């Protein structure tokens, strides 16, 4: 979720999963801003492709690799 004038809000079943969701959302925002900065017309996937992708994501058992990413990020502190 993006809160106007406040930033990003994410959730997860664990802290590691919430962190990974935040990392993915922030990266997606960065990519969108860079794409929009080109001034070129953006091409978006069809609604069918978006729906299929959403269904695939929902079927995912979870972000099993979240704990590995979280552990790696903690080592950087």
Foldseek 3Di string as FASTA:
>chain_A
DADVPPGDDFDDPDPLQRVVVVVVVVVVVVVVVVVVVVVDDDDDDDPVVVVVVVVVVVPDPGPVCSVVVVVVVVVVD
